Amino acid sequence: MKYIIPLCAFLTIFFFIPTLPAQEKAISANFDKTLFYTTLASGKTDEINNRLAQLAESNFPEKKAYEGALLMKKAGLLGKPKDKLSIFKMGRSKLESAINSDEANAEYHFLRLVIQENAPKIVKYRQNLQKDSELVSASFKKLPLAVQQAIRNYSKKSAFLNPGDF
């Protein structure tokens, strides 16, 4: 009898804890990166709000970076300057936090590059353009196909990414 409780505790830990990362991976796998990058490029507030709502209901490692990029994109579409700055700062905080927690993640640097290259000078968010473009170029082949396609598409209008490199 005295072994039943420890055995139950062991079985609970052994069988249920390892499934949590798999569930997290499933959520991440269900996140459509192609749709995310299409939305980011679209500039449509409704689509951005839909992606933000989808992200709010999910929990996976890239969530903070994606939310940050979408919030900063959304800020540029708002009417009131106060709202623009507030939303932009919130998005910047999320994206920078994600980058700081995973400095080697080239996709995060690509997101920051896209935002910085298109951010108005007044927000003073343009200091990592060269560094980010170099990291994205160097890591391109290691990125998921959806991200590679987004980089190819964006490089056609970028001053920092050369389409011939991809």
N, C-alpha and C. Protein backbone atom coordinates (compact mmCIF):
# COMPACT_ATOMS: atom_id res chain seq x y z
N MET A 1 0.82 -1.19 0.00
CA MET A 1 0.00 0.00 0.00
C MET A 1 0.86 1.26 0.00
N LYS A 2 1.98 1.22 0.74
CA LYS A 2 2.81 2.41 0.81
C LYS A 2 3.53 2.69 -0.52
N TYR A 3 3.57 1.73 -1.43
CA TYR A 3 4.21 1.93 -2.72
C TYR A 3 3.25 2.42 -3.80
N ILE A 4 1.96 2.32 -3.54
CA ILE A 4 0.96 2.69 -4.54
C ILE A 4 0.98 4.19 -4.82
N ILE A 5 1.02 5.01 -3.80
CA ILE A 5 1.00 6.47 -3.99
C ILE A 5 2.25 6.94 -4.72
N PRO A 6 3.46 6.53 -4.29
CA PRO A 6 4.63 6.96 -5.07
C PRO A 6 4.60 6.43 -6.51
N LEU A 7 4.08 5.24 -6.71
CA LEU A 7 3.99 4.70 -8.06
C LEU A 7 3.03 5.53 -8.90
N CYS A 8 1.90 5.92 -8.33
CA CYS A 8 0.94 6.76 -9.05
C CYS A 8 1.56 8.10 -9.40
N ALA A 9 2.29 8.68 -8.46
CA ALA A 9 2.95 9.97 -8.72
C ALA A 9 3.96 9.81 -9.84
N PHE A 10 4.75 8.74 -9.83
CA PHE A 10 5.73 8.50 -10.87
C PHE A 10 5.06 8.35 -12.23
N LEU A 11 4.01 7.56 -12.29
CA LEU A 11 3.31 7.34 -13.56
C LEU A 11 2.72 8.64 -14.10
N THR A 12 2.18 9.45 -13.20
CA THR A 12 1.62 10.74 -13.63
C THR A 12 2.70 11.59 -14.26
N ILE A 13 3.84 11.68 -13.59
CA ILE A 13 4.93 12.49 -14.12
C ILE A 13 5.46 11.88 -15.42
N PHE A 14 5.66 10.58 -15.42
CA PHE A 14 6.26 9.90 -16.56
C PHE A 14 5.38 9.99 -17.81
N PHE A 15 4.07 9.83 -17.65
CA PHE A 15 3.20 9.77 -18.82
C PHE A 15 2.60 11.11 -19.23
N PHE A 16 2.41 12.04 -18.32
CA PHE A 16 1.70 13.26 -18.69
C PHE A 16 2.61 14.45 -18.92
N ILE A 17 3.66 14.59 -18.19
CA ILE A 17 4.54 15.74 -18.36
C ILE A 17 5.18 15.75 -19.75
N PRO A 18 5.67 14.62 -20.26
CA PRO A 18 6.28 14.68 -21.59
C PRO A 18 5.30 15.06 -22.70
N THR A 19 4.01 14.97 -22.49
CA THR A 19 3.07 15.32 -23.55
C THR A 19 2.90 16.82 -23.68
N LEU A 20 3.27 17.60 -22.69
CA LEU A 20 3.08 19.03 -22.77
C LEU A 20 3.86 19.67 -23.92
N PRO A 21 5.16 19.38 -24.08
CA PRO A 21 5.84 19.97 -25.23
C PRO A 21 5.25 19.53 -26.56
N ALA A 22 4.77 18.31 -26.65
CA ALA A 22 4.15 17.85 -27.89
C ALA A 22 2.89 18.66 -28.18
N GLN A 23 2.12 18.96 -27.14
CA GLN A 23 0.93 19.78 -27.34
C GLN A 23 1.33 21.18 -27.80
N GLU A 24 2.38 21.71 -27.20
CA GLU A 24 2.86 23.02 -27.59
C GLU A 24 3.34 23.01 -29.05
N LYS A 25 4.04 21.95 -29.44
CA LYS A 25 4.48 21.83 -30.83
C LYS A 25 3.29 21.73 -31.77
N ALA A 26 2.24 21.05 -31.35
CA ALA A 26 1.05 20.92 -32.19
C ALA A 26 0.42 22.29 -32.43
N ILE A 27 0.38 23.10 -31.38
CA ILE A 27 -0.18 24.45 -31.53
C ILE A 27 0.68 25.24 -32.49
N SER A 28 2.00 25.15 -32.32
CA SER A 28 2.92 25.86 -33.20
C SER A 28 2.80 25.35 -34.64
N ALA A 29 2.64 24.03 -34.80
CA ALA A 29 2.52 23.45 -36.13
C ALA A 29 1.22 23.89 -36.80
N ASN A 30 0.18 24.14 -36.02
CA ASN A 30 -1.10 24.59 -36.57
C ASN A 30 -1.08 26.06 -36.96
N PHE A 31 -0.10 26.79 -36.50
CA PHE A 31 0.00 28.21 -36.84
C PHE A 31 0.51 28.33 -38.26
N ASP A 32 -0.24 28.98 -39.10
CA ASP A 32 0.08 29.10 -40.51
C ASP A 32 0.99 30.31 -40.73
N LYS A 33 2.28 30.05 -40.90
CA LYS A 33 3.24 31.14 -41.10
C LYS A 33 3.03 31.86 -42.42
N THR A 34 2.60 31.13 -43.43
CA THR A 34 2.33 31.77 -44.72
C THR A 34 1.22 32.79 -44.57
N LEU A 35 0.17 32.42 -43.86
CA LEU A 35 -0.93 33.35 -43.62
C LEU A 35 -0.46 34.53 -42.77
N PHE A 36 0.38 34.26 -41.78
CA PHE A 36 0.92 35.34 -40.95
C PHE A 36 1.66 36.35 -41.81
N TYR A 37 2.57 35.89 -42.67
CA TYR A 37 3.36 36.80 -43.49
C TYR A 37 2.51 37.50 -44.56
N THR A 38 1.49 36.84 -45.04
CA THR A 38 0.56 37.48 -45.96
C THR A 38 -0.18 38.61 -45.25
N THR A 39 -0.59 38.35 -44.03
CA THR A 39 -1.28 39.36 -43.23
C THR A 39 -0.35 40.53 -42.93
N LEU A 40 0.88 40.24 -42.54
CA LEU A 40 1.85 41.29 -42.24
C LEU A 40 2.08 42.19 -43.45
N ALA A 41 2.11 41.60 -44.62
CA ALA A 41 2.34 42.37 -45.85
C ALA A 41 1.09 43.10 -46.33
N SER A 42 -0.09 42.62 -45.92
CA SER A 42 -1.34 43.15 -46.46
C SER A 42 -1.64 44.58 -46.03
N GLY A 43 -1.39 44.90 -44.80
CA GLY A 43 -1.73 46.23 -44.31
C GLY A 43 -3.22 46.41 -44.09
N LYS A 44 -3.94 45.32 -43.86
CA LYS A 44 -5.38 45.39 -43.61
C LYS A 44 -5.63 45.18 -42.12
N THR A 45 -6.23 46.17 -41.50
CA THR A 45 -6.45 46.13 -40.05
C THR A 45 -7.28 44.93 -39.62
N ASP A 46 -8.31 44.59 -40.37
CA ASP A 46 -9.16 43.45 -40.00
C ASP A 46 -8.37 42.15 -39.99
N GLU A 47 -7.54 41.95 -41.00
CA GLU A 47 -6.73 40.73 -41.06
C GLU A 47 -5.73 40.69 -39.90
N ILE A 48 -5.13 41.84 -39.62
CA ILE A 48 -4.17 41.90 -38.51
C ILE A 48 -4.88 41.60 -37.19
N ASN A 49 -6.05 42.16 -36.98
CA ASN A 49 -6.82 41.88 -35.76
C ASN A 49 -7.18 40.41 -35.65
N ASN A 50 -7.53 39.78 -36.76
CA ASN A 50 -7.85 38.34 -36.75
C ASN A 50 -6.63 37.51 -36.35
N ARG A 51 -5.44 37.85 -36.91
CA ARG A 51 -4.22 37.11 -36.56
C ARG A 51 -3.87 37.35 -35.10
N LEU A 52 -4.05 38.58 -34.61
CA LEU A 52 -3.76 38.87 -33.21
C LEU A 52 -4.69 38.10 -32.28
N ALA A 53 -5.95 37.97 -32.67
CA ALA A 53 -6.90 37.19 -31.87
C ALA A 53 -6.50 35.72 -31.86
N GLN A 54 -6.07 35.20 -33.01
CA GLN A 54 -5.61 33.82 -33.09
C GLN A 54 -4.40 33.62 -32.18
N LEU A 55 -3.48 34.55 -32.21
CA LEU A 55 -2.28 34.45 -31.36
C LEU A 55 -2.62 34.55 -29.88
N ALA A 56 -3.59 35.37 -29.54
CA ALA A 56 -3.98 35.53 -28.14
C ALA A 56 -4.49 34.22 -27.54
N GLU A 57 -5.09 33.38 -28.37
CA GLU A 57 -5.64 32.11 -27.90
C GLU A 57 -4.62 30.97 -27.94
N SER A 58 -3.42 31.25 -28.40
CA SER A 58 -2.42 30.19 -28.54
C SER A 58 -1.27 30.40 -27.57
N ASN A 59 -0.43 29.39 -27.49
CA ASN A 59 0.74 29.46 -26.63
C ASN A 59 1.85 28.63 -27.24
N PHE A 60 2.79 29.29 -27.91
CA PHE A 60 3.95 28.62 -28.47
C PHE A 60 5.10 29.62 -28.46
N PRO A 61 6.32 29.15 -28.60
CA PRO A 61 7.49 30.00 -28.39
C PRO A 61 7.55 31.28 -29.23
N GLU A 62 7.11 31.22 -30.47
CA GLU A 62 7.23 32.39 -31.35
C GLU A 62 6.13 33.43 -31.15
N LYS A 63 5.17 33.14 -30.32
CA LYS A 63 3.98 33.98 -30.16
C LYS A 63 4.33 35.44 -29.91
N LYS A 64 5.24 35.70 -28.99
CA LYS A 64 5.56 37.08 -28.61
C LYS A 64 6.12 37.87 -29.80
N ALA A 65 6.98 37.26 -30.58
CA ALA A 65 7.58 37.94 -31.73
C ALA A 65 6.53 38.27 -32.78
N TYR A 66 5.64 37.30 -33.06
CA TYR A 66 4.59 37.52 -34.04
C TYR A 66 3.62 38.62 -33.59
N GLU A 67 3.24 38.57 -32.33
CA GLU A 67 2.35 39.62 -31.81
C GLU A 67 3.01 40.99 -31.92
N GLY A 68 4.28 41.04 -31.55
CA GLY A 68 4.99 42.32 -31.60
C GLY A 68 5.02 42.90 -33.01
N ALA A 69 5.36 42.08 -33.98
CA ALA A 69 5.43 42.55 -35.37
C ALA A 69 4.05 43.01 -35.86
N LEU A 70 3.02 42.23 -35.55
CA LEU A 70 1.67 42.62 -35.99
C LEU A 70 1.19 43.90 -35.30
N LEU A 71 1.50 44.06 -34.03
CA LEU A 71 1.11 45.28 -33.33
C LEU A 71 1.79 46.51 -33.93
N MET A 72 3.07 46.38 -34.26
CA MET A 72 3.77 47.53 -34.85
C MET A 72 3.24 47.83 -36.24
N LYS A 73 2.90 46.81 -37.00
CA LYS A 73 2.30 47.02 -38.32
C LYS A 73 0.94 47.71 -38.16
N LYS A 74 0.16 47.24 -37.20
CA LYS A 74 -1.17 47.81 -36.94
C LYS A 74 -1.05 49.27 -36.53
N ALA A 75 -0.03 49.60 -35.76
CA ALA A 75 0.15 50.98 -35.30
C ALA A 75 0.23 51.95 -36.47
N GLY A 76 0.88 51.53 -37.54
CA GLY A 76 1.00 52.39 -38.72
C GLY A 76 -0.31 52.60 -39.45
N LEU A 77 -1.30 51.80 -39.14
CA LEU A 77 -2.60 51.90 -39.82
C LEU A 77 -3.64 52.68 -39.02
N LEU A 78 -3.29 53.01 -37.78
CA LEU A 78 -4.24 53.70 -36.92
C LEU A 78 -4.26 55.19 -37.23
N GLY A 79 -5.32 55.86 -36.79
CA GLY A 79 -5.49 57.27 -37.11
C GLY A 79 -4.86 58.23 -36.11
N LYS A 80 -5.07 58.01 -34.83
CA LYS A 80 -4.60 58.95 -33.81
C LYS A 80 -3.13 58.71 -33.49
N PRO A 81 -2.32 59.77 -33.51
CA PRO A 81 -0.90 59.62 -33.20
C PRO A 81 -0.63 59.00 -31.82
N LYS A 82 -1.45 59.34 -30.85
CA LYS A 82 -1.26 58.78 -29.51
C LYS A 82 -1.45 57.26 -29.52
N ASP A 83 -2.49 56.81 -30.24
CA ASP A 83 -2.75 55.37 -30.36
C ASP A 83 -1.62 54.68 -31.13
N LYS A 84 -1.17 55.33 -32.19
CA LYS A 84 -0.08 54.77 -32.99
C LYS A 84 1.15 54.51 -32.14
N LEU A 85 1.53 55.51 -31.37
CA LEU A 85 2.74 55.39 -30.56
C LEU A 85 2.58 54.36 -29.46
N SER A 86 1.43 54.34 -28.83
CA SER A 86 1.18 53.39 -27.75
C SER A 86 1.22 51.94 -28.24
N ILE A 87 0.55 51.66 -29.34
CA ILE A 87 0.52 50.31 -29.90
C ILE A 87 1.90 49.93 -30.43
N PHE A 88 2.58 50.88 -31.05
CA PHE A 88 3.92 50.60 -31.57
C PHE A 88 4.87 50.22 -30.43
N LYS A 89 4.83 50.96 -29.34
CA LYS A 89 5.71 50.67 -28.20
C LYS A 89 5.40 49.30 -27.60
N MET A 90 4.13 48.95 -27.53
CA MET A 90 3.74 47.64 -27.00
C MET A 90 4.30 46.53 -27.90
N GLY A 91 4.17 46.70 -29.21
CA GLY A 91 4.69 45.71 -30.15
C GLY A 91 6.20 45.64 -30.11
N ARG A 92 6.84 46.77 -30.01
CA ARG A 92 8.30 46.82 -29.94
C ARG A 92 8.81 46.07 -28.72
N SER A 93 8.15 46.28 -27.62
CA SER A 93 8.54 45.60 -26.38
C SER A 93 8.45 44.08 -26.53
N LYS A 94 7.38 43.61 -27.15
CA LYS A 94 7.20 42.16 -27.33
C LYS A 94 8.25 41.58 -28.28
N LEU A 95 8.48 42.24 -29.39
CA LEU A 95 9.45 41.73 -30.35
C LEU A 95 10.86 41.76 -29.78
N GLU A 96 11.23 42.84 -29.14
CA GLU A 96 12.57 42.93 -28.56
C GLU A 96 12.76 41.91 -27.45
N SER A 97 11.72 41.66 -26.68
CA SER A 97 11.78 40.64 -25.63
C SER A 97 12.02 39.26 -26.24
N ALA A 98 11.34 38.97 -27.32
CA ALA A 98 11.52 37.68 -28.01
C ALA A 98 12.94 37.56 -28.55
N ILE A 99 13.46 38.63 -29.13
CA ILE A 99 14.82 38.60 -29.67
C ILE A 99 15.83 38.41 -28.54
N ASN A 100 15.62 39.10 -27.44
CA ASN A 100 16.54 38.98 -26.31
C ASN A 100 16.54 37.57 -25.71
N SER A 101 15.40 36.89 -25.78
CA SER A 101 15.33 35.54 -25.23
C SER A 101 15.87 34.49 -26.20
N ASP A 102 15.97 34.82 -27.48
CA ASP A 102 16.49 33.88 -28.48
C ASP A 102 17.24 34.67 -29.54
N GLU A 103 18.40 35.16 -29.18
CA GLU A 103 19.20 36.05 -30.03
C GLU A 103 19.58 35.43 -31.38
N ALA A 104 19.67 34.11 -31.44
CA ALA A 104 20.09 33.45 -32.67
C ALA A 104 18.94 33.19 -33.64
N ASN A 105 17.72 33.50 -33.27
CA ASN A 105 16.56 33.22 -34.11
C ASN A 105 16.50 34.21 -35.27
N ALA A 106 16.87 33.76 -36.45
CA ALA A 106 16.92 34.63 -37.63
C ALA A 106 15.54 35.13 -38.05
N GLU A 107 14.51 34.35 -37.79
CA GLU A 107 13.16 34.80 -38.15
C GLU A 107 12.78 36.03 -37.35
N TYR A 108 13.13 36.08 -36.07
CA TYR A 108 12.85 37.26 -35.25
C TYR A 108 13.58 38.48 -35.82
N HIS A 109 14.81 38.26 -36.25
CA HIS A 109 15.58 39.37 -36.83
C HIS A 109 14.98 39.82 -38.16
N PHE A 110 14.43 38.89 -38.90
CA PHE A 110 13.74 39.26 -40.14
C PHE A 110 12.51 40.12 -39.82
N LEU A 111 11.74 39.72 -38.82
CA LEU A 111 10.57 40.51 -38.43
C LEU A 111 11.00 41.92 -38.03
N ARG A 112 12.07 42.02 -37.25
CA ARG A 112 12.53 43.34 -36.82
C ARG A 112 13.02 44.15 -38.01
N LEU A 113 13.71 43.49 -38.94
CA LEU A 113 14.19 44.18 -40.14
C LEU A 113 13.02 44.78 -40.92
N VAL A 114 11.99 43.99 -41.12
CA VAL A 114 10.81 44.47 -41.87
C VAL A 114 10.20 45.68 -41.19
N ILE A 115 10.04 45.60 -39.89
CA ILE A 115 9.43 46.71 -39.15
C ILE A 115 10.35 47.92 -39.17
N GLN A 116 11.63 47.74 -38.86
CA GLN A 116 12.55 48.88 -38.80
C GLN A 116 12.69 49.56 -40.15
N GLU A 117 12.71 48.79 -41.19
CA GLU A 117 12.89 49.38 -42.52
C GLU A 117 11.68 50.22 -42.92
N ASN A 118 10.53 49.92 -42.36
CA ASN A 118 9.31 50.65 -42.72
C ASN A 118 8.80 51.58 -41.63
N ALA A 119 9.46 51.60 -40.49
CA ALA A 119 9.02 52.46 -39.39
C ALA A 119 9.37 53.92 -39.68
N PRO A 120 8.49 54.82 -39.27
CA PRO A 120 8.82 56.23 -39.46
C PRO A 120 10.04 56.62 -38.60
N LYS A 121 10.83 57.54 -39.08
CA LYS A 121 12.05 57.93 -38.38
C LYS A 121 11.77 58.49 -36.98
N ILE A 122 10.62 59.04 -36.79
CA ILE A 122 10.28 59.67 -35.52
C ILE A 122 10.26 58.68 -34.34
N VAL A 123 10.01 57.40 -34.62
CA VAL A 123 9.98 56.41 -33.54
C VAL A 123 11.37 55.90 -33.18
N LYS A 124 12.37 56.31 -33.95
CA LYS A 124 13.77 55.96 -33.68
C LYS A 124 13.97 54.47 -33.47
N TYR A 125 13.51 53.71 -34.45
CA TYR A 125 13.62 52.25 -34.40
C TYR A 125 14.25 51.77 -35.70
N ARG A 126 15.52 52.12 -35.87
CA ARG A 126 16.20 51.76 -37.12
C ARG A 126 17.66 51.35 -36.89
N GLN A 127 18.03 51.04 -35.65
CA GLN A 127 19.44 50.84 -35.33
C GLN A 127 19.99 49.45 -35.64
N ASN A 128 19.18 48.48 -36.01
CA ASN A 128 19.67 47.12 -36.22
C ASN A 128 19.51 46.63 -37.67
N LEU A 129 19.30 47.51 -38.57
CA LEU A 129 19.01 47.12 -39.95
C LEU A 129 20.14 46.30 -40.58
N GLN A 130 21.36 46.77 -40.47
CA GLN A 130 22.48 46.07 -41.09
C GLN A 130 22.74 44.72 -40.42
N LYS A 131 22.76 44.71 -39.11
CA LYS A 131 22.99 43.47 -38.34
C LYS A 131 21.93 42.43 -38.67
N ASP A 132 20.66 42.85 -38.69
CA ASP A 132 19.57 41.92 -38.96
C ASP A 132 19.63 41.39 -40.38
N SER A 133 19.93 42.25 -41.34
CA SER A 133 19.99 41.79 -42.74
C SER A 133 21.11 40.77 -42.92
N GLU A 134 22.24 40.97 -42.26
CA GLU A 134 23.35 40.02 -42.36
C GLU A 134 22.99 38.68 -41.74
N LEU A 135 22.33 38.71 -40.59
CA LEU A 135 21.93 37.46 -39.92
C LEU A 135 20.89 36.70 -40.74
N VAL A 136 19.94 37.42 -41.30
CA VAL A 136 18.91 36.79 -42.13
C VAL A 136 19.54 36.15 -43.36
N SER A 137 20.43 36.86 -44.02
CA SER A 137 21.10 36.32 -45.21
C SER A 137 21.92 35.08 -44.87
N ALA A 138 22.64 35.13 -43.77
CA ALA A 138 23.50 34.01 -43.37
C ALA A 138 22.70 32.78 -42.95
N SER A 139 21.51 32.99 -42.42
CA SER A 139 20.70 31.89 -41.88
C SER A 139 19.57 31.46 -42.81
N PHE A 140 19.48 32.05 -43.97
CA PHE A 140 18.34 31.84 -44.86
C PHE A 140 18.00 30.37 -45.09
N LYS A 141 18.98 29.56 -45.43
CA LYS A 141 18.72 28.16 -45.80
C LYS A 141 18.26 27.31 -44.62
N LYS A 142 18.45 27.77 -43.40
CA LYS A 142 18.04 27.02 -42.21
C LYS A 142 16.61 27.34 -41.80
N LEU A 143 16.02 28.36 -42.39
CA LEU A 143 14.68 28.80 -42.01
C LEU A 143 13.60 27.95 -42.67
N PRO A 144 12.41 27.88 -42.05
CA PRO A 144 11.29 27.15 -42.68
C PRO A 144 10.95 27.73 -44.05
N LEU A 145 10.39 26.91 -44.90
CA LEU A 145 10.08 27.33 -46.28
C LEU A 145 9.17 28.55 -46.34
N ALA A 146 8.18 28.61 -45.45
CA ALA A 146 7.26 29.77 -45.44
C ALA A 146 8.01 31.06 -45.15
N VAL A 147 8.98 30.99 -44.26
CA VAL A 147 9.77 32.17 -43.91
C VAL A 147 10.71 32.51 -45.07
N GLN A 148 11.30 31.50 -45.69
CA GLN A 148 12.15 31.74 -46.85
C GLN A 148 11.38 32.46 -47.96
N GLN A 149 10.15 32.02 -48.20
CA GLN A 149 9.33 32.67 -49.23
C GLN A 149 9.01 34.11 -48.85
N ALA A 150 8.72 34.34 -47.59
CA ALA A 150 8.45 35.71 -47.13
C ALA A 150 9.68 36.59 -47.32
N ILE A 151 10.86 36.05 -47.05
CA ILE A 151 12.10 36.81 -47.24
C ILE A 151 12.31 37.11 -48.72
N ARG A 152 12.09 36.13 -49.57
CA ARG A 152 12.22 36.35 -51.02
C ARG A 152 11.28 37.46 -51.48
N ASN A 153 10.04 37.38 -51.05
CA ASN A 153 9.05 38.39 -51.44
C ASN A 153 9.44 39.77 -50.93
N TYR A 154 9.85 39.84 -49.69
CA TYR A 154 10.19 41.13 -49.10
C TYR A 154 11.47 41.71 -49.69
N SER A 155 12.42 40.86 -50.04
CA SER A 155 13.71 41.34 -50.55
C SER A 155 13.55 42.14 -51.84
N LYS A 156 12.47 41.93 -52.55
CA LYS A 156 12.23 42.66 -53.81
C LYS A 156 12.01 44.15 -53.58
N LYS A 157 11.58 44.51 -52.37
CA LYS A 157 11.34 45.93 -52.08
C LYS A 157 12.22 46.45 -50.94
N SER A 158 13.13 45.62 -50.48
CA SER A 158 13.99 45.99 -49.35
C SER A 158 15.26 46.69 -49.83
N ALA A 159 15.72 47.62 -49.04
CA ALA A 159 17.00 48.28 -49.32
C ALA A 159 18.15 47.51 -48.66
N PHE A 160 17.83 46.57 -47.78
CA PHE A 160 18.86 45.85 -47.03
C PHE A 160 19.01 44.40 -47.41
N LEU A 161 18.03 43.84 -48.08
CA LEU A 161 18.12 42.46 -48.54
C LEU A 161 18.16 42.45 -50.06
N ASN A 162 19.11 41.74 -50.61
CA ASN A 162 19.28 41.66 -52.05
C ASN A 162 18.54 40.44 -52.58
N PRO A 163 17.55 40.61 -53.50
CA PRO A 163 16.80 39.46 -54.01
C PRO A 163 17.69 38.41 -54.66
N GLY A 164 18.82 38.79 -55.19
CA GLY A 164 19.73 37.85 -55.83
C GLY A 164 20.39 36.90 -54.85
N ASP A 165 20.37 37.23 -53.56
CA ASP A 165 20.99 36.38 -52.54
C ASP A 165 20.10 35.20 -52.16
N PHE A 166 18.84 35.24 -52.57
CA PHE A 166 17.89 34.21 -52.14
C PHE A 166 17.39 33.47 -53.34
